[in-house]
Protein backbone atom coordinates (compact mmCIF):
# COMPACT_ATOMS: atom_id res chain seq x y z
CA MET A 1 1.88 31.96 22.58
CA SER A 2 3.77 29.38 24.66
CA THR A 3 4.74 26.14 22.93
CA ARG A 4 5.85 24.40 26.10
CA ILE A 5 4.74 20.77 26.39
CA TYR A 6 3.40 19.62 29.74
CA PRO A 7 3.77 15.86 30.24
CA TYR A 8 1.01 14.25 32.27
CA PRO A 9 2.10 14.29 35.95
CA PHE A 10 3.51 11.03 37.23
CA SER A 11 1.77 11.57 40.57
CA ALA A 12 -1.61 11.92 38.83
CA ILE A 13 -1.55 8.40 37.38
CA VAL A 14 -4.24 6.43 39.17
CA GLY A 15 -3.39 2.84 40.07
CA GLN A 16 -0.83 0.81 38.07
CA GLU A 17 1.43 0.75 41.12
CA ASP A 18 3.57 -2.14 39.86
CA MET A 19 4.24 -0.37 36.56
CA LYS A 20 5.19 2.84 38.35
CA LEU A 21 7.45 1.01 40.81
CA GLY A 22 9.14 -0.89 37.98
CA LEU A 23 9.91 2.35 36.16
CA VAL A 24 11.17 4.01 39.33
CA LEU A 25 13.48 1.09 40.09
CA ASN A 26 14.96 1.29 36.58
CA ILE A 27 15.57 5.01 36.97
CA ALA A 28 17.28 4.39 40.32
CA ASP A 29 19.47 1.72 38.70
CA PRO A 30 19.58 2.00 34.87
CA LYS A 31 21.54 -1.28 34.78
CA LEU A 32 18.53 -3.21 36.06
CA GLY A 33 17.59 -4.35 32.56
CA GLY A 34 14.41 -2.46 31.73
CA ILE A 35 10.80 -3.51 32.16
CA LEU A 36 8.24 -5.45 30.12
CA ALA A 37 4.53 -4.76 30.64
CA PHE A 38 2.02 -7.48 29.75
CA GLY A 39 -1.56 -6.50 29.15
CA GLU A 40 -4.23 -4.28 27.73
CA LYS A 41 -4.02 -1.14 25.65
CA GLY A 42 -5.17 2.17 27.10
CA THR A 43 -3.81 1.56 30.61
CA ALA A 44 -1.41 4.52 30.86
CA LYS A 45 1.79 2.63 29.98
CA SER A 46 3.22 5.21 27.57
CA THR A 47 1.85 8.02 29.75
CA ALA A 48 3.79 6.67 32.73
CA VAL A 49 7.01 6.43 30.71
CA ARG A 50 6.82 10.02 29.48
CA ALA A 51 5.74 11.25 32.88
CA ILE A 52 8.70 9.77 34.71
CA ALA A 53 11.12 11.12 32.10
CA GLY A 54 9.68 14.56 32.73
CA LEU A 55 10.48 14.26 36.43
CA LEU A 56 14.21 13.91 35.97
CA PRO A 57 16.68 16.78 35.92
CA GLU A 58 18.28 17.71 32.62
CA ILE A 59 21.39 15.71 31.81
CA PRO A 60 24.80 17.14 30.82
CA VAL A 61 25.83 16.32 27.23
CA VAL A 62 28.70 17.21 24.94
CA LYS A 63 27.35 20.04 22.82
CA GLY A 64 26.96 18.99 19.20
CA CYS A 65 27.53 15.27 19.86
CA ARG A 66 24.96 13.17 18.03
CA PHE A 67 25.14 10.52 20.76
CA ARG A 68 24.67 13.01 23.62
CA CYS A 69 27.82 11.76 25.38
CA ASP A 70 28.39 12.48 29.05
CA PRO A 71 31.18 15.11 29.17
CA PHE A 72 32.20 13.91 32.63
CA ASP A 73 32.60 10.20 31.82
CA ALA A 74 35.22 9.39 29.19
CA SER A 75 34.57 5.64 29.54
CA THR A 76 31.12 5.99 27.93
CA MET A 77 32.02 8.50 25.21
CA CYS A 78 31.82 7.92 21.48
CA GLU A 79 34.97 7.64 19.39
CA SER A 80 34.80 11.27 18.24
CA CYS A 81 34.48 12.70 21.75
CA ARG A 82 37.32 10.51 23.05
CA GLU A 83 39.58 11.68 20.22
CA LYS A 84 38.82 15.32 20.97
CA LEU A 85 39.48 14.74 24.66
CA ALA A 86 42.78 12.99 23.94
CA ALA A 87 43.82 15.88 21.69
CA GLY A 88 43.29 18.28 24.58
CA GLU A 89 40.19 19.91 23.18
CA ASN A 90 37.66 21.42 25.53
CA LEU A 91 34.32 19.62 25.27
CA GLU A 92 31.60 22.22 25.61
CA THR A 93 28.73 21.14 27.86
CA GLU A 94 25.02 21.80 27.61
CA TYR A 95 22.06 20.47 29.55
CA VAL A 96 19.11 18.78 27.85
CA PRO A 97 16.02 16.84 29.00
CA MET A 98 16.09 13.05 29.15
CA ARG A 99 14.73 11.73 25.87
CA VAL A 100 11.99 9.14 25.32
CA VAL A 101 12.45 7.45 21.93
CA ASP A 102 9.71 5.34 20.34
CA LEU A 103 10.62 2.31 18.25
CA PRO A 104 7.92 1.45 15.71
CA VAL A 105 7.00 -2.18 15.07
CA SER A 106 7.84 -1.66 11.37
CA ALA A 107 11.43 -0.55 12.07
CA THR A 108 14.09 -2.23 9.94
CA GLU A 109 17.51 -3.32 11.19
CA ASP A 110 19.22 -0.36 9.50
CA ARG A 111 16.75 2.05 11.08
CA VAL A 112 17.41 0.55 14.52
CA VAL A 113 21.20 0.17 14.54
CA GLY A 114 22.20 2.74 11.89
CA THR A 115 24.09 2.37 8.62
CA LEU A 116 27.70 2.51 7.45
CA ASP A 117 28.75 4.14 4.17
CA LEU A 118 30.95 1.37 2.79
CA GLU A 119 32.04 3.36 -0.27
CA GLU A 120 33.35 6.16 1.92
CA ALA A 121 35.16 3.66 4.16
CA ILE A 122 36.76 1.69 1.32
CA GLN A 123 37.73 4.57 -0.99
CA LYS A 124 38.69 7.23 1.56
CA GLY A 125 39.38 5.17 4.65
CA LYS A 126 36.85 7.17 6.66
CA LYS A 127 34.01 5.72 8.69
CA ARG A 128 30.82 7.54 7.84
CA PHE A 129 27.99 6.43 10.08
CA ASP A 130 24.32 7.36 9.86
CA PRO A 131 22.92 6.93 13.40
CA GLY A 132 19.77 4.91 14.06
CA ILE A 133 17.24 4.65 16.86
CA LEU A 134 19.74 3.15 19.31
CA ALA A 135 21.90 6.25 18.94
CA ASP A 136 18.89 8.50 19.55
CA ALA A 137 18.04 6.54 22.70
CA ASN A 138 21.50 6.78 24.29
CA ARG A 139 21.17 8.05 27.89
CA GLY A 140 17.39 8.05 27.59
CA ILE A 141 14.42 5.70 27.53
CA LEU A 142 13.62 3.44 24.57
CA TYR A 143 9.90 2.66 24.45
CA VAL A 144 8.80 -0.31 22.33
CA ASP A 145 5.05 -0.86 22.09
CA GLU A 146 4.02 -4.40 21.08
CA VAL A 147 7.60 -5.66 21.32
CA ASN A 148 6.33 -9.20 20.68
CA LEU A 149 5.40 -8.19 17.12
CA LEU A 150 8.97 -7.21 16.28
CA ASP A 151 11.21 -9.62 14.40
CA ASP A 152 13.17 -11.75 16.89
CA HIS A 153 16.42 -10.54 15.35
CA ILE A 154 15.49 -6.90 16.06
CA VAL A 155 14.60 -7.79 19.65
CA ASP A 156 17.98 -9.53 19.98
CA LEU A 157 19.73 -6.35 18.82
CA LEU A 158 17.80 -4.22 21.29
CA LEU A 159 18.52 -6.51 24.23
CA ASP A 160 22.19 -6.88 23.31
CA ALA A 161 22.63 -3.10 23.18
CA ALA A 162 20.68 -2.64 26.42
CA ALA A 163 22.87 -5.21 28.19
CA MET A 164 26.23 -4.05 26.81
CA GLY A 165 25.59 -0.31 26.59
CA VAL A 166 27.18 -0.34 23.14
CA ASN A 167 25.85 -0.71 19.60
CA THR A 168 28.23 -2.17 17.01
CA VAL A 169 27.48 -2.13 13.29
CA GLU A 170 29.54 -4.37 11.00
CA ARG A 171 29.38 -4.38 7.21
CA GLU A 172 31.87 -6.12 4.88
CA GLY A 173 34.69 -6.08 7.40
CA VAL A 174 34.08 -2.46 8.43
CA SER A 175 32.75 -1.85 11.93
CA TYR A 176 31.60 1.12 13.97
CA SER A 177 30.63 1.26 17.65
CA HIS A 178 28.90 3.92 19.69
CA PRO A 179 27.42 4.18 23.20
CA ALA A 180 23.84 2.94 23.54
CA ARG A 181 22.96 3.11 27.21
CA PHE A 182 19.21 3.32 27.65
CA ILE A 183 16.35 2.06 29.79
CA LEU A 184 14.30 -0.37 27.71
CA VAL A 185 10.54 -0.33 28.27
CA GLY A 186 8.52 -2.85 26.28
CA THR A 187 4.83 -3.67 26.18
CA MET A 188 3.03 -6.67 24.76
CA ASN A 189 -0.35 -8.36 24.63
CA PRO A 190 0.33 -12.12 24.96
CA GLU A 191 -2.82 -12.86 22.95
CA GLU A 192 -1.15 -11.28 19.90
CA GLY A 193 1.99 -13.40 20.04
CA GLU A 194 4.76 -14.47 22.39
CA LEU A 195 8.41 -13.70 22.90
CA ARG A 196 10.83 -16.59 23.13
CA PRO A 197 11.67 -17.46 26.77
CA GLN A 198 15.32 -16.61 26.04
CA LEU A 199 14.27 -13.08 25.11
CA LEU A 200 11.82 -12.72 27.99
CA ASP A 201 14.57 -13.64 30.45
CA ARG A 202 16.72 -10.73 29.32
CA PHE A 203 14.20 -8.12 30.46
CA GLY A 204 15.02 -7.14 34.02
CA LEU A 205 11.49 -6.73 35.35
CA SER A 206 7.95 -7.40 34.17
CA VAL A 207 4.47 -6.42 35.31
CA ARG A 208 0.89 -7.29 34.38
CA ILE A 209 -1.23 -4.33 33.37
CA ALA A 210 -5.03 -4.36 33.40
CA GLY A 211 -7.80 -1.81 33.36
CA ILE A 212 -8.91 -0.65 36.81
CA GLN A 213 -12.17 -2.26 37.89
CA ASP A 214 -12.95 0.04 40.81
CA PRO A 215 -15.71 2.42 39.56
CA VAL A 216 -14.59 5.23 41.88
CA LYS A 217 -11.03 5.10 40.56
CA ARG A 218 -12.25 4.93 36.97
CA VAL A 219 -14.27 8.10 37.54
CA GLN A 220 -11.17 9.71 39.02
CA ILE A 221 -9.20 8.80 35.88
CA ILE A 222 -11.89 10.40 33.69
CA LYS A 223 -11.91 13.58 35.76
CA TYR A 224 -8.11 13.85 35.83
CA ARG A 225 -7.77 13.30 32.11
CA SER A 226 -10.50 15.80 31.28
CA ALA A 227 -8.89 18.42 33.51
CA TYR A 228 -5.51 17.79 31.92
CA ASP A 229 -6.88 18.07 28.38
CA GLU A 230 -8.68 21.29 29.24
CA ASP A 231 -5.71 23.05 30.85
CA PRO A 232 -2.43 21.04 30.99
CA GLU A 233 -0.47 23.77 32.74
CA ALA A 234 -2.99 24.23 35.57
CA PHE A 235 -3.40 20.48 36.00
CA CYS A 236 0.35 19.94 36.22
CA GLN A 237 0.59 22.67 38.84
CA ARG A 238 -1.85 20.70 41.02
CA PHE A 239 0.64 17.84 41.20
CA ALA A 240 3.87 19.83 41.03
CA LYS A 241 4.73 19.32 44.70
CA GLU A 242 4.17 15.55 44.58
CA ASP A 243 6.18 15.23 41.39
CA ARG A 244 9.05 17.24 42.88
CA GLU A 245 9.11 14.88 45.85
CA VAL A 246 9.29 11.85 43.56
CA ALA A 247 12.03 13.52 41.52
CA GLN A 248 14.08 14.26 44.63
CA LYS A 249 13.62 10.68 45.79
CA LEU A 250 14.92 9.37 42.46
CA VAL A 251 17.99 11.61 42.49
CA SER A 252 18.75 10.61 46.10
CA ALA A 253 18.33 6.93 45.26
CA ARG A 254 20.76 7.15 42.34
CA ASN A 255 23.35 8.80 44.58
CA ARG A 256 22.79 6.31 47.39
CA LEU A 257 22.73 3.14 45.27
CA ARG A 258 26.48 2.47 45.35
CA ASP A 259 26.43 2.55 49.16
CA VAL A 260 23.65 0.01 49.62
CA GLN A 261 24.96 -3.20 51.16
CA ILE A 262 23.54 -6.73 50.86
CA SER A 263 24.63 -9.28 53.43
CA ASP A 264 25.75 -12.77 52.49
CA GLU A 265 22.73 -14.09 54.38
CA LEU A 266 20.39 -12.07 52.16
CA LEU A 267 22.20 -13.20 49.02
CA LEU A 268 21.70 -16.79 50.15
CA LYS A 269 17.98 -16.14 50.55
CA ILE A 270 17.85 -14.64 47.05
CA ALA A 271 19.48 -17.78 45.63
CA GLU A 272 17.13 -20.09 47.53
CA VAL A 273 14.08 -18.16 46.34
CA SER A 274 15.20 -18.60 42.72
CA ILE A 275 15.81 -22.31 43.22
CA SER A 276 12.46 -22.86 44.92
CA LEU A 277 10.63 -21.18 42.03
CA GLY A 278 12.43 -23.34 39.48
CA ILE A 279 14.07 -20.38 37.72
CA ASP A 280 16.57 -21.41 35.04
CA GLY A 281 20.01 -19.81 34.91
CA HIS A 282 21.39 -17.07 37.13
CA ARG A 283 20.02 -13.89 35.57
CA GLY A 284 17.03 -13.96 37.90
CA ASP A 285 19.26 -14.05 40.97
CA LEU A 286 21.38 -11.16 39.71
CA THR A 287 18.34 -9.09 38.78
CA LEU A 288 16.70 -9.69 42.15
CA MET A 289 19.89 -8.53 43.86
CA LYS A 290 19.92 -5.32 41.81
CA ALA A 291 16.21 -4.70 42.33
CA VAL A 292 16.53 -5.21 46.08
CA ARG A 293 19.41 -2.72 46.24
CA ALA A 294 17.48 -0.19 44.14
CA TYR A 295 14.41 -0.52 46.36
CA ALA A 296 16.47 -0.02 49.51
CA ALA A 297 18.06 3.07 47.94
CA LEU A 298 14.61 4.46 47.12
CA GLU A 299 13.60 3.94 50.73
CA GLY A 300 16.65 5.90 51.88
CA ARG A 301 18.47 2.95 53.42
CA ASN A 302 22.06 1.76 53.06
CA GLU A 303 21.26 -1.88 53.73
CA ALA A 304 18.80 -4.20 51.99
CA THR A 305 16.43 -6.42 53.96
CA LYS A 306 14.29 -9.50 53.38
CA GLU A 307 11.23 -7.24 53.19
CA ASP A 308 12.76 -5.67 50.07
CA ILE A 309 12.75 -9.11 48.44
CA LEU A 310 8.99 -9.35 48.99
CA LYS A 311 8.44 -5.91 47.43
CA VAL A 312 10.21 -6.66 44.13
CA ALA A 313 10.29 -10.45 43.67
CA SER A 314 7.08 -10.66 41.62
CA MET A 315 8.45 -8.19 39.03
CA VAL A 316 11.71 -10.12 38.77
CA PHE A 317 10.22 -13.59 38.37
CA LEU A 318 6.82 -13.17 36.71
CA HIS A 319 8.16 -13.53 33.15
CA ARG A 320 10.74 -16.13 34.11
CA MET A 321 8.30 -18.66 35.55
CA ARG A 322 7.88 -20.82 32.47
CA SER A 323 9.88 -23.85 31.38
CA LEU A 324 8.63 -24.59 27.86
CA PRO A 325 8.41 -22.22 24.85
CA PHE A 326 4.59 -22.27 24.63
CA GLU A 327 3.80 -22.68 28.28
CA GLN A 328 1.61 -19.95 29.76
CA VAL A 329 3.07 -17.63 32.38
CA ARG A 330 2.26 -19.17 35.75
CA GLU A 331 0.55 -17.14 38.43
CA PHE A 332 3.07 -15.68 40.83
CA ASP A 333 2.43 -16.73 44.42
CA ILE A 334 4.16 -14.42 46.89
CA THR A 335 3.23 -16.74 49.78
CA ALA A 336 5.81 -19.24 48.53
CA ILE A 337 8.55 -16.66 49.07
CA GLU A 338 7.12 -15.62 52.43
CA LYS A 339 7.35 -19.24 53.59
CA ILE A 340 10.97 -19.49 52.46
CA LEU A 341 11.96 -16.34 54.31
CA ALA A 342 10.06 -17.40 57.43
CA GLN A 343 11.74 -20.80 57.36
CA GLU A 344 15.13 -19.16 57.12
CA GLU A 345 14.36 -17.09 60.19
CA LYS A 346 13.40 -20.15 62.26
CA GLU A 347 16.55 -21.95 61.26
C-alpha cells in the first residue's frame, strides 16, 4: 500500500489571491522577508503554504548534513561542511523536498535556537550543538501560526535569523553559528493580541485573510475539499497541469530575478510613495523594490514598471501604516498611489 502524501494542489485553492501572490513572491525572492497573514482561522493559510512547497523541485543538500547545506554554495555552508571542503573531501550530494517546519506557540528559546553542551566545550574544547527549529527550517519554510502569541523575545530571534540567514547561540562565552535561511510565514488574529510595530515592520509582506462570502465559491470549496478527502491522488491529478505551470513559472522567476532592472525614475516613485503614506524608516522602500523586481520576474520581464508597484504595494505597506503602538491598522487606499504615479507622469 502506497504511503505517499499528496499535498492539496496550489491551483485548487479558491480565492485568497493576495495570500497566494505573497507566497509566490517570497519563493521568487527568498530575501523578501516573509509574509504575515492577518485574519480568521480556517481560510487555507497552512494549506497554501504546504501546497506551494510541494510545487518546488527537490533541492540539493550535502548528504548527512543536519543543516541541509547547499553543496554548491560554500558561502552558506555550516562550519562542518566548510571544514570538509577545505580539507579536500568530496561532499556527497542528495536531493530532498523543500521542508515546511511548524513552530508551536509553546516553543522555548532552546527549542527554537538549539542548545550548546557547555561541559563538553569547557572540558574537551569541542562544540557540541543540539540543533533547534531554526536548523530544521534552513532552506525551507518556517510556518508560525498565531505568531502574535509568541513571546516577543522569540519573535525577535526568528526575525533576526530570517534577516541575517544565520542563527548564533551563545552560552557562557561559548558560541556556535549555523545557516538559517528560510522563508518566514506567520499568521495572527489581531483580536487575540498585537505585535509591536517594530516587529511588524520586519515582515516583508502582509495580507488580510477572510472567509469567502460568495456562496458559489464557498460551494466550490466544499466540493473540492470533499473530492480531495475522498481520493487525494485523483484530485491532485486534476490540477497537475496547472500546478506544473506554476512551478515552472517560479523556477523561471528565480533564474530571471538577478536580471530584472529598476530605473532610477521608478526608484524615485517608490520613495515618494513611501513618503506620501507616512511610512517610517527605509525598510518599506527596500521591500517594495524587492517585491516589484520579484513580480516583474514572475511576469517574465527584465524590467520593472509602475504597474508592478500597484500590484504589490498593498502587501508591502498594509502592516506598516500605523504610527503608534496601539493604533489600528489603517485601511490601505490604492487610489492614493495611483494619484502619485499619475502625477509623476504629467510632470
